[in-house]
Amino acid sequence: MSDRSIIEALQREAISLDRTDSIDRIVADIGDASIVLLGEATHGTQEFYRMSSIVSGRKSLKS
């Protein structure tokens, strides 16, 4: 896979986390998965903990 095709795939598939409906999409994409992995770049950041809490809360409500 070329660098250009990798960049295009990332641009196509990346999800911006600056809107509430972004979290809705993530929760929908997770579906019934019992394990969810997030990118290493998110680890240890305030945004990661906020997003993780929101996603976990929404998954708990759907269970």
Protein backbone atom coordinates (compact mmCIF):
# COMPACT_ATOMS: atom_id res chain seq x y z
CA MET A 1 0.00 0.00 0.00
CA SER A 2 1.48 3.35 -0.99
CA ASP A 3 1.81 6.31 1.34
CA ARG A 4 -0.79 8.16 -0.72
CA SER A 5 -3.34 5.34 -0.47
CA ILE A 6 -2.78 5.11 3.30
CA ILE A 7 -3.38 8.85 3.67
CA GLU A 8 -6.52 8.63 1.53
CA ALA A 9 -7.84 5.72 3.61
CA LEU A 10 -7.20 7.59 6.85
CA GLN A 11 -8.91 10.72 5.54
CA ARG A 12 -11.89 8.65 4.41
CA GLU A 13 -12.26 6.63 7.63
CA ALA A 14 -11.18 9.07 10.36
CA ILE A 15 -13.87 10.28 12.72
CA SER A 16 -13.66 13.77 14.18
CA LEU A 17 -14.51 13.75 17.88
CA ASP A 18 -15.57 17.36 18.19
CA ARG A 19 -19.30 16.70 17.81
CA THR A 20 -21.78 14.61 19.80
CA ASP A 21 -22.95 12.71 16.72
CA SER A 22 -19.36 11.52 16.28
CA ILE A 23 -19.71 9.53 19.49
CA ASP A 24 -23.03 8.14 18.23
CA ARG A 25 -21.25 6.86 15.11
CA ILE A 26 -18.49 5.28 17.18
CA VAL A 27 -21.01 3.53 19.44
CA ALA A 28 -22.91 2.30 16.37
CA ASP A 29 -19.69 1.04 14.77
CA ILE A 30 -18.74 -0.77 18.00
CA GLY A 31 -22.03 -2.63 17.95
CA ASP A 32 -21.96 -5.69 20.21
CA ALA A 33 -18.17 -5.91 20.39
CA SER A 34 -16.92 -7.00 23.79
CA ILE A 35 -13.47 -5.49 23.26
CA VAL A 36 -12.76 -2.07 21.75
CA LEU A 37 -9.28 -0.72 21.05
CA LEU A 38 -8.49 2.97 20.59
CA GLY A 39 -5.42 4.42 18.90
CA GLU A 40 -2.25 4.84 20.93
CA ALA A 41 -2.19 8.58 20.24
CA THR A 42 -5.29 8.95 22.43
CA HIS A 43 -3.73 7.29 25.49
CA GLY A 44 -3.19 9.55 28.46
CA THR A 45 -4.99 12.58 27.09
CA GLN A 46 -7.92 14.41 28.62
CA GLU A 47 -9.86 13.90 25.40
CA PHE A 48 -9.33 10.14 25.61
CA TYR A 49 -10.72 9.91 29.13
CA ARG A 50 -13.71 12.10 28.24
CA MET A 51 -14.49 10.09 25.10
CA SER A 52 -13.95 6.76 26.85
CA SER A 53 -16.38 7.77 29.58
CA ILE A 54 -19.02 8.86 27.07
CA VAL A 55 -18.68 5.73 24.93
CA SER A 56 -18.72 3.44 27.98
CA GLY A 57 -21.81 5.18 29.33
CA ARG A 58 -23.68 4.91 26.06
CA LYS A 59 -22.71 1.25 25.61
CA SER A 60 -23.94 0.51 29.15
CA LEU A 61 -27.28 2.15 28.42
CA LYS A 62 -27.75 0.03 25.28
CA SER A 63 -26.91 -3.25 27.03
